[in-house]
Amino acid sequence: MNTIQPARRFGIKSLLALLASIVLYAPQSYAETYVAGQFGMTFPQSLSSGEVTQHGIGDLDLSDQPLKNSLMLGAKLGHYFTKAPWVGIETGLSFANPHVKEGSLTLSGPGGFATFNGLSGLSHRMIIWDVATLMFRYPGHRLQPYVGVGPALYFARLKGSEAPDGQSATAIGLNAELGARYYITRSWALVGEMQYHRARLGYTSNDDNDAADPFGFRATYSALTVNLGISYSF
């Protein structure tokens, strides 16, 4: 009898300690909403499959234009559901400047091709709104791997020293992401993530002016972004 009571007290204390650790450090197992801030690096591929769309100029293709790597800043808002805690929805906004590198530009068409060398680089701003990303996660207590896919809205802006008005583009494209969230407290977590973006962008400028410079064109933008962040769940 003397040995049973100390063992019972030890078991009760151990159970209370376990429950306390779960309450203090485990993320919420019910409906969870979170916000996150991120920073990272964007590694874009060249603007590819370019074609001239300017009024009065047709049947011309553009050579690929290499883009520079860029820092990225972003923010996210997401929610996981009560009855299916492994499924959620997320929206996010990110900013990057994958500028066009200095180099040459080749125009090609049925009549031949022409190459323009020594072109200066262009300022290229990219704002991407991941409108509604469908998220799937493993709802672990601390480590939560996840994947997501959904549509994104792209806002791009090209600007050079000889083209102060620049060219702008807006398009719907793809967002795909793979990452993991590690909870350091019940609400705060560290986030590591890779994102892939891809869209067909139509850069337009003064399309009603056949002699406009710069001219309108269409090209494919794609980039891989590696980022780190911190999130808060409530």
Protein backbone atom coordinates (compact mmCIF):
# COMPACT_ATOMS: atom_id res chain seq x y z
CA MET A 1 0.00 0.00 0.00
CA ASN A 2 2.87 2.34 0.79
CA THR A 3 4.41 1.69 -2.62
CA ILE A 4 1.13 2.06 -4.55
CA GLN A 5 0.38 5.63 -3.37
CA PRO A 6 3.79 7.10 -4.35
CA ALA A 7 3.51 5.37 -7.72
CA ARG A 8 0.01 6.81 -8.20
CA ARG A 9 1.19 10.29 -7.27
CA PHE A 10 4.11 9.93 -9.69
CA GLY A 11 1.76 8.80 -12.46
CA ILE A 12 -0.61 11.72 -11.85
CA LYS A 13 2.25 14.23 -11.84
CA SER A 14 3.65 12.74 -15.05
CA LEU A 15 0.22 12.95 -16.72
CA LEU A 16 -0.21 16.58 -15.62
CA ALA A 17 3.27 17.44 -16.92
CA LEU A 18 2.45 15.83 -20.28
CA LEU A 19 -0.88 17.68 -20.54
CA ALA A 20 0.82 20.97 -19.63
CA SER A 21 3.45 20.51 -22.33
CA ILE A 22 0.77 19.80 -24.93
CA VAL A 23 -1.21 22.90 -23.95
CA LEU A 24 1.85 25.13 -23.94
CA TYR A 25 3.68 23.93 -27.01
CA ALA A 26 1.37 22.05 -29.36
CA PRO A 27 -0.46 23.99 -32.07
CA GLN A 28 -4.23 24.16 -31.99
CA SER A 29 -5.89 20.96 -33.25
CA TYR A 30 -9.14 22.77 -34.01
CA ALA A 31 -9.76 25.42 -36.66
CA GLU A 32 -6.57 27.41 -37.11
CA THR A 33 -5.98 30.78 -38.74
CA TYR A 34 -2.46 32.09 -39.26
CA VAL A 35 -0.51 35.03 -40.60
CA ALA A 36 3.10 34.87 -41.76
CA GLY A 37 5.90 37.09 -42.96
CA GLN A 38 8.58 35.81 -45.35
CA PHE A 39 11.83 36.79 -47.01
CA GLY A 40 13.91 34.86 -49.50
CA MET A 41 15.52 34.68 -52.92
CA THR A 42 13.84 34.40 -56.30
CA PHE A 43 15.65 32.47 -59.05
CA PRO A 44 13.87 33.29 -62.33
CA GLN A 45 14.31 31.64 -65.68
CA SER A 46 14.60 33.81 -68.80
CA LEU A 47 11.55 35.51 -70.24
CA SER A 48 10.90 32.88 -72.92
CA SER A 49 8.77 32.20 -76.02
CA GLY A 50 8.50 35.92 -76.69
CA GLU A 51 6.35 37.28 -79.49
CA VAL A 52 5.65 40.85 -80.59
CA THR A 53 2.05 42.00 -80.05
CA GLN A 54 2.41 45.68 -80.94
CA HIS A 55 -0.22 47.01 -83.36
CA GLY A 56 1.21 47.24 -86.86
CA ILE A 57 4.01 44.76 -86.13
CA GLY A 58 3.27 41.08 -86.55
CA ASP A 59 4.82 37.64 -87.07
CA LEU A 60 7.93 38.50 -85.08
CA ASP A 61 9.43 36.42 -82.29
CA LEU A 62 11.75 37.63 -79.52
CA SER A 63 14.82 35.90 -78.21
CA ASP A 64 14.83 34.80 -74.57
CA GLN A 65 15.73 37.55 -72.13
CA PRO A 66 17.71 36.42 -69.04
CA LEU A 67 16.60 37.76 -65.65
CA LYS A 68 18.63 38.47 -62.52
CA ASN A 69 18.09 36.76 -59.18
CA SER A 70 16.19 38.93 -56.72
CA LEU A 71 15.38 39.27 -53.05
CA MET A 72 11.75 38.57 -52.20
CA LEU A 73 9.48 39.88 -49.44
CA GLY A 74 6.06 38.45 -48.76
CA ALA A 75 3.14 37.96 -46.39
CA LYS A 76 0.47 35.28 -46.05
CA LEU A 77 -2.91 34.66 -44.46
CA GLY A 78 -4.29 31.14 -44.17
CA HIS A 79 -6.87 28.95 -42.46
CA TYR A 80 -7.16 25.22 -41.70
CA PHE A 81 -10.58 23.72 -41.05
CA THR A 82 -12.04 22.06 -37.93
CA LYS A 83 -13.40 18.85 -39.45
CA ALA A 84 -10.44 18.39 -41.80
CA PRO A 85 -7.37 19.90 -40.08
CA TRP A 86 -5.08 18.67 -42.89
CA VAL A 87 -6.87 20.84 -45.49
CA GLY A 88 -6.70 24.63 -45.66
CA ILE A 89 -6.87 27.70 -47.86
CA GLU A 90 -4.21 30.40 -48.12
CA THR A 91 -3.67 33.75 -49.80
CA GLY A 92 -0.36 35.57 -50.11
CA LEU A 93 1.37 38.59 -51.59
CA SER A 94 5.03 38.81 -52.64
CA PHE A 95 7.34 41.46 -54.12
CA ALA A 96 10.52 40.88 -56.17
CA ASN A 97 12.66 42.71 -58.74
CA PRO A 98 14.00 40.16 -61.27
CA HIS A 99 15.61 42.76 -63.55
CA VAL A 100 16.43 42.01 -67.19
CA LYS A 101 20.17 41.54 -67.72
CA GLU A 102 22.21 43.58 -70.18
CA GLY A 103 22.76 41.86 -73.51
CA SER A 104 21.26 41.55 -76.96
CA LEU A 105 17.79 41.16 -78.43
CA THR A 106 16.99 39.21 -81.60
CA LEU A 107 13.80 39.72 -83.61
CA SER A 108 13.01 36.92 -86.05
CA GLY A 109 10.23 36.36 -88.57
CA PRO A 110 9.38 35.16 -92.07
CA GLY A 111 11.69 37.78 -93.59
CA GLY A 112 14.75 36.88 -91.52
CA PHE A 113 16.13 38.18 -88.25
CA ALA A 114 17.82 41.23 -86.76
CA THR A 115 19.98 41.37 -83.62
CA PHE A 116 20.42 44.46 -81.46
CA ASN A 117 23.58 44.29 -79.33
CA GLY A 118 24.65 46.27 -76.30
CA LEU A 119 21.18 46.78 -74.88
CA SER A 120 21.13 48.10 -71.34
CA GLY A 121 19.30 46.16 -68.66
CA LEU A 122 15.69 46.90 -67.78
CA SER A 123 14.12 47.42 -64.39
CA HIS A 124 11.61 44.63 -63.85
CA ARG A 125 9.21 44.69 -60.90
CA MET A 126 7.04 41.68 -60.09
CA ILE A 127 4.13 41.61 -57.65
CA ILE A 128 2.39 38.25 -57.28
CA TRP A 129 -0.87 37.69 -55.45
CA ASP A 130 -1.43 34.01 -54.67
CA VAL A 131 -5.18 34.40 -54.68
CA ALA A 132 -6.46 31.11 -53.24
CA THR A 133 -3.98 28.30 -52.65
CA LEU A 134 -5.41 24.93 -51.63
CA MET A 135 -3.20 23.61 -48.82
CA PHE A 136 -2.58 20.06 -47.61
CA ARG A 137 -0.53 19.48 -44.44
CA TYR A 138 0.41 16.77 -41.98
CA PRO A 139 -1.07 18.19 -38.74
CA GLY A 140 1.75 17.18 -36.41
CA HIS A 141 2.24 18.74 -32.99
CA ARG A 142 5.47 20.51 -33.89
CA LEU A 143 6.58 19.66 -37.43
CA GLN A 144 4.00 20.15 -40.18
CA PRO A 145 5.10 19.47 -43.78
CA TYR A 146 2.73 20.87 -46.40
CA VAL A 147 2.07 21.32 -50.12
CA GLY A 148 -0.16 23.80 -51.91
CA VAL A 149 -1.37 24.68 -55.39
CA GLY A 150 -3.65 27.37 -56.79
CA PRO A 151 -4.09 30.35 -59.10
CA ALA A 152 -2.01 33.52 -58.82
CA LEU A 153 -2.46 37.02 -60.21
CA TYR A 154 0.68 38.62 -61.66
CA PHE A 155 1.44 42.34 -61.92
CA ALA A 156 4.67 43.06 -63.83
CA ARG A 157 6.37 46.30 -64.83
CA LEU A 158 9.30 46.83 -67.21
CA LYS A 159 11.09 50.16 -67.37
CA GLY A 160 14.25 51.40 -69.05
CA SER A 161 16.13 54.68 -69.21
CA GLU A 162 14.88 55.35 -72.76
CA ALA A 163 11.32 54.27 -72.02
CA PRO A 164 10.12 56.23 -68.99
CA ASP A 165 6.53 55.04 -69.39
CA GLY A 166 7.62 51.41 -69.45
CA GLN A 167 5.53 48.34 -70.16
CA SER A 168 3.08 46.66 -67.81
CA ALA A 169 1.51 43.23 -67.71
CA THR A 170 -1.29 41.59 -65.73
CA ALA A 171 -2.07 37.88 -66.00
CA ILE A 172 -3.41 34.82 -64.21
CA GLY A 173 -0.91 32.04 -63.64
CA LEU A 174 0.15 29.16 -61.41
CA ASN A 175 1.43 29.02 -57.85
CA ALA A 176 2.78 25.77 -56.34
CA GLU A 177 4.54 25.47 -52.99
CA LEU A 178 6.24 22.90 -50.79
CA GLY A 179 7.39 23.56 -47.26
CA ALA A 180 7.33 22.78 -43.56
CA ARG A 181 6.25 24.64 -40.44
CA TYR A 182 7.95 23.99 -37.09
CA TYR A 183 6.19 25.23 -33.95
CA ILE A 184 8.47 26.67 -31.29
CA THR A 185 5.49 27.58 -29.07
CA ARG A 186 1.76 26.93 -29.26
CA SER A 187 1.27 29.86 -31.65
CA TRP A 188 4.65 30.81 -33.13
CA ALA A 189 6.31 28.73 -35.85
CA LEU A 190 9.31 28.90 -38.16
CA VAL A 191 8.56 28.31 -41.85
CA GLY A 192 10.78 27.10 -44.69
CA GLU A 193 9.31 26.99 -48.18
CA MET A 194 9.90 26.66 -51.91
CA GLN A 195 7.48 28.27 -54.37
CA TYR A 196 7.16 27.89 -58.12
CA HIS A 197 5.42 30.58 -60.18
CA ARG A 198 4.60 30.50 -63.89
CA ALA A 199 2.49 32.76 -66.11
CA ARG A 200 2.15 33.97 -69.68
CA LEU A 201 2.55 37.75 -69.46
CA GLY A 202 1.45 40.26 -72.06
CA TYR A 203 3.55 43.43 -71.70
CA THR A 204 1.69 46.34 -73.27
CA SER A 205 2.61 49.96 -73.89
CA ASN A 206 0.86 52.44 -76.19
CA ASP A 207 -0.69 49.69 -78.29
CA ASP A 208 -2.72 52.29 -80.21
CA ASN A 209 0.49 53.87 -81.47
CA ASP A 210 2.08 51.76 -84.23
CA ALA A 211 5.40 53.55 -83.78
CA ALA A 212 5.44 53.21 -80.01
CA ASP A 213 8.73 52.47 -78.34
CA PRO A 214 8.82 50.24 -76.39
CA PHE A 215 6.48 47.90 -78.25
CA GLY A 216 4.11 45.38 -76.73
CA PHE A 217 5.12 41.74 -76.48
CA ARG A 218 4.14 38.49 -74.79
CA ALA A 219 6.51 36.14 -72.93
CA THR A 220 6.51 33.35 -70.34
CA TYR A 221 7.71 34.12 -66.82
CA SER A 222 8.70 31.32 -64.44
CA ALA A 223 10.67 31.37 -61.19
CA LEU A 224 11.59 29.28 -58.17
CA THR A 225 11.65 31.09 -54.83
CA VAL A 226 13.27 29.78 -51.65
CA ASN A 227 12.18 31.60 -48.52
CA LEU A 228 12.13 31.56 -44.74
CA GLY A 229 9.56 33.10 -42.46
CA ILE A 230 7.74 33.14 -39.18
CA SER A 231 4.02 32.55 -38.64
CA TYR A 232 1.56 33.20 -35.85
CA SER A 233 -1.52 30.98 -35.36
CA PHE A 234 -4.65 32.02 -33.52
